[in-house]
Every structure is written in C-alpha cells, then in structure tokens.
Amino acid sequence: MTAARAIGMSRLQSIQYIILPQALRLAIPPWSNEASIVLKDSSLVYALGVSEILRRAQQLSATTQQPLLAYGTAALIYFILVFTTNRALDYLSRRSKLPTHA
C-alpha cells in the first residue's frame, strides 16, 4: 500500500490493482475447499432452497423400492456439483497466478 501511494495511486486504485489481486490469489484455493465442504454437507442442512437431495433420494427409495437407483442418482448429483465447482475455482486459481519466467 505504501509503495502504491508513493507512486501516486489513490487509496482505491492501490486496493483495486495491488491489494485485491494478491489477496484473491491466496484466497481462491481455500475457497475451493470450503465450497466442496458446503456442497457435501448440504445433505445435513436445507442449503439448496429445494428439498434436500439425500432426503429426496430416501423418499424415492421408499416409494419405488429401488434404493440403488435413488442413492446412485443422489451421489451423481453431488459429484457433478462438487466437480463443477472445483473445476471453476481451479480455473480461477490458474488464471490469477503470476506468470513465471523460466
């Protein structure tokens, strides 16, 4: 911050162009882990705004007498959610890395 202010950047400019890029670069990998944990733990809480996935699988399993199909579908839904979220955050992480010169 001091160096940015010394070269004439305003406080807002130094936060926008110096501080935030460095902070985000360091914060994305832990966010990726937290996003995965939240998605996986959504079976314990009402986090998706609709009937919770595992509970619906349990109800479907009881109704249709096909537990493998119901729980397999729930597992596939969780896998897709976690995989997509992790890939998106990995992309963001790679995009925000500093270029290295070999």
C-alpha atoms as a PDB file:
ATOM      1  CA  MET A   1       0.000   0.000   0.000  1.00  0.00           C
ATOM      2  CA  THR A   2       2.817   2.363   0.893  1.00  0.00           C
ATOM      3  CA  ALA A   3       4.622   1.760  -2.410  1.00  0.00           C
ATOM      4  CA  ALA A   4       1.418   2.263  -4.415  1.00  0.00           C
ATOM      5  CA  ARG A   5       0.701   5.501  -2.589  1.00  0.00           C
ATOM      6  CA  ALA A   6       4.315   6.604  -3.161  1.00  0.00           C
ATOM      7  CA  ILE A   7       3.948   6.308  -6.947  1.00  0.00           C
ATOM      8  CA  GLY A   8       0.790   8.428  -6.909  1.00  0.00           C
ATOM      9  CA  MET A   9      -2.036   5.865  -6.793  1.00  0.00           C
ATOM     10  CA  SER A  10      -5.126   6.774  -4.844  1.00  0.00           C
ATOM     11  CA  ARG A  11      -6.213   4.565  -1.960  1.00  0.00           C
ATOM     12  CA  LEU A  12      -8.956   2.985  -4.106  1.00  0.00           C
ATOM     13  CA  GLN A  13      -6.571   2.368  -7.024  1.00  0.00           C
ATOM     14  CA  SER A  14      -3.968   0.751  -4.789  1.00  0.00           C
ATOM     15  CA  ILE A  15      -6.579  -1.559  -3.261  1.00  0.00           C
ATOM     16  CA  GLN A  16      -8.049  -2.415  -6.680  1.00  0.00           C
ATOM     17  CA  TYR A  17      -4.787  -3.010  -8.553  1.00  0.00           C
ATOM     18  CA  ILE A  18      -2.323  -4.096  -5.849  1.00  0.00           C
ATOM     19  CA  ILE A  19      -4.000  -5.457  -2.713  1.00  0.00           C
ATOM     20  CA  LEU A  20      -7.051  -7.326  -4.104  1.00  0.00           C
ATOM     21  CA  PRO A  21      -5.223  -9.312  -6.817  1.00  0.00           C
ATOM     22  CA  GLN A  22      -2.702 -10.547  -4.242  1.00  0.00           C
ATOM     23  CA  ALA A  23      -5.384 -11.370  -1.690  1.00  0.00           C
ATOM     24  CA  LEU A  24      -7.591 -13.217  -4.201  1.00  0.00           C
ATOM     25  CA  ARG A  25      -4.633 -15.205  -5.496  1.00  0.00           C
ATOM     26  CA  LEU A  26      -4.072 -16.513  -1.982  1.00  0.00           C
ATOM     27  CA  ALA A  27      -7.766 -16.939  -1.100  1.00  0.00           C
ATOM     28  CA  ILE A  28      -9.041 -18.998  -4.060  1.00  0.00           C
ATOM     29  CA  PRO A  29      -7.588 -22.426  -3.057  1.00  0.00           C
ATOM     30  CA  PRO A  30      -9.112 -22.357   0.460  1.00  0.00           C
ATOM     31  CA  TRP A  31     -12.418 -21.155  -1.023  1.00  0.00           C
ATOM     32  CA  SER A  32     -12.350 -24.181  -3.308  1.00  0.00           C
ATOM     33  CA  ASN A  33     -12.081 -26.491  -0.310  1.00  0.00           C
ATOM     34  CA  GLU A  34     -14.849 -24.672   1.539  1.00  0.00           C
ATOM     35  CA  ALA A  35     -17.153 -24.803  -1.492  1.00  0.00           C
ATOM     36  CA  SER A  36     -16.683 -28.574  -1.680  1.00  0.00           C
ATOM     37  CA  ILE A  37     -17.372 -28.989   2.025  1.00  0.00           C
ATOM     38  CA  VAL A  38     -20.527 -26.861   1.855  1.00  0.00           C
ATOM     39  CA  LEU A  39     -21.844 -28.817  -1.123  1.00  0.00           C
ATOM     40  CA  LYS A  40     -21.131 -32.155   0.536  1.00  0.00           C
ATOM     41  CA  ASP A  41     -22.639 -31.032   3.840  1.00  0.00           C
ATOM     42  CA  SER A  42     -25.800 -29.826   2.166  1.00  0.00           C
ATOM     43  CA  SER A  43     -27.234 -33.251   2.964  1.00  0.00           C
ATOM     44  CA  LEU A  44     -27.236 -32.130   6.600  1.00  0.00           C
ATOM     45  CA  VAL A  45     -28.876 -28.749   6.115  1.00  0.00           C
ATOM     46  CA  TYR A  46     -31.530 -27.130   3.983  1.00  0.00           C
ATOM     47  CA  ALA A  47     -28.999 -25.221   1.874  1.00  0.00           C
ATOM     48  CA  LEU A  48     -30.161 -25.719  -1.709  1.00  0.00           C
ATOM     49  CA  GLY A  49     -33.517 -23.968  -1.380  1.00  0.00           C
ATOM     50  CA  VAL A  50     -35.384 -27.062  -2.564  1.00  0.00           C
ATOM     51  CA  SER A  51     -35.960 -30.400  -0.941  1.00  0.00           C
ATOM     52  CA  GLU A  52     -32.584 -31.574   0.150  1.00  0.00           C
ATOM     53  CA  ILE A  53     -31.065 -34.134  -2.230  1.00  0.00           C
ATOM     54  CA  LEU A  54     -30.361 -37.023   0.132  1.00  0.00           C
ATOM     55  CA  ARG A  55     -33.772 -36.733   1.813  1.00  0.00           C
ATOM     56  CA  ARG A  56     -35.486 -36.842  -1.573  1.00  0.00           C
ATOM     57  CA  ALA A  57     -33.424 -39.903  -2.506  1.00  0.00           C
ATOM     58  CA  GLN A  58     -34.550 -41.582   0.716  1.00  0.00           C
ATOM     59  CA  GLN A  59     -38.193 -40.792  -0.035  1.00  0.00           C
ATOM     60  CA  LEU A  60     -37.848 -42.014  -3.622  1.00  0.00           C
ATOM     61  CA  SER A  61     -36.132 -45.182  -2.434  1.00  0.00           C
ATOM     62  CA  ALA A  62     -39.006 -45.932  -0.052  1.00  0.00           C
ATOM     63  CA  THR A  63     -41.596 -45.254  -2.745  1.00  0.00           C
ATOM     64  CA  THR A  64     -40.024 -47.161  -5.637  1.00  0.00           C
ATOM     65  CA  GLN A  65     -38.221 -49.888  -3.671  1.00  0.00           C
ATOM     66  CA  GLN A  66     -35.091 -49.153  -5.749  1.00  0.00           C
ATOM     67  CA  PRO A  67     -32.526 -47.767  -3.294  1.00  0.00           C
ATOM     68  CA  LEU A  68     -29.540 -48.238  -5.601  1.00  0.00           C
ATOM     69  CA  LEU A  69     -31.104 -46.071  -8.285  1.00  0.00           C
ATOM     70  CA  ALA A  70     -32.194 -43.353  -5.846  1.00  0.00           C
ATOM     71  CA  TYR A  71     -28.930 -43.142  -3.893  1.00  0.00           C
ATOM     72  CA  GLY A  72     -26.831 -43.565  -7.041  1.00  0.00           C
ATOM     73  CA  THR A  73     -28.606 -40.602  -8.609  1.00  0.00           C
ATOM     74  CA  ALA A  74     -28.081 -38.536  -5.444  1.00  0.00           C
ATOM     75  CA  ALA A  75     -24.375 -39.446  -5.475  1.00  0.00           C
ATOM     76  CA  LEU A  76     -24.130 -38.457  -9.135  1.00  0.00           C
ATOM     77  CA  ILE A  77     -25.795 -35.097  -8.423  1.00  0.00           C
ATOM     78  CA  TYR A  78     -23.358 -34.407  -5.572  1.00  0.00           C
ATOM     79  CA  PHE A  79     -20.416 -35.456  -7.733  1.00  0.00           C
ATOM     80  CA  ILE A  80     -21.471 -33.139 -10.566  1.00  0.00           C
ATOM     81  CA  LEU A  81     -21.968 -30.204  -8.168  1.00  0.00           C
ATOM     82  CA  VAL A  82     -18.599 -30.688  -6.451  1.00  0.00           C
ATOM     83  CA  PHE A  83     -16.721 -31.418  -9.695  1.00  0.00           C
ATOM     84  CA  THR A  84     -18.142 -28.360 -11.468  1.00  0.00           C
ATOM     85  CA  THR A  85     -17.465 -26.072  -8.514  1.00  0.00           C
ATOM     86  CA  ASN A  86     -13.905 -27.332  -8.110  1.00  0.00           C
ATOM     87  CA  ARG A  87     -13.150 -27.000 -11.825  1.00  0.00           C
ATOM     88  CA  ALA A  88     -14.476 -23.441 -11.883  1.00  0.00           C
ATOM     89  CA  LEU A  89     -12.390 -22.472  -8.855  1.00  0.00           C
ATOM     90  CA  ASP A  90      -9.309 -24.254 -10.261  1.00  0.00           C
ATOM     91  CA  TYR A  91      -9.717 -22.240 -13.448  1.00  0.00           C
ATOM     92  CA  LEU A  92      -9.963 -19.048 -11.421  1.00  0.00           C
ATOM     93  CA  SER A  93      -6.891 -20.047  -9.438  1.00  0.00           C
ATOM     94  CA  ARG A  94      -4.834 -20.777 -12.584  1.00  0.00           C
ATOM     95  CA  ARG A  95      -5.994 -17.559 -14.186  1.00  0.00           C
ATOM     96  CA  SER A  96      -4.963 -15.484 -11.199  1.00  0.00           C
ATOM     97  CA  LYS A  97      -1.448 -16.924 -10.859  1.00  0.00           C
ATOM     98  CA  LEU A  98       1.504 -14.761 -11.674  1.00  0.00           C
ATOM     99  CA  PRO A  99       3.354 -15.695 -14.859  1.00  0.00           C
ATOM    100  CA  THR A 100       6.749 -17.286 -14.235  1.00  0.00           C
ATOM    101  CA  HIS A 101       9.744 -16.829 -16.454  1.00  0.00           C
ATOM    102  CA  ALA A 102      11.920 -19.870 -16.999  1.00  0.00           C
END
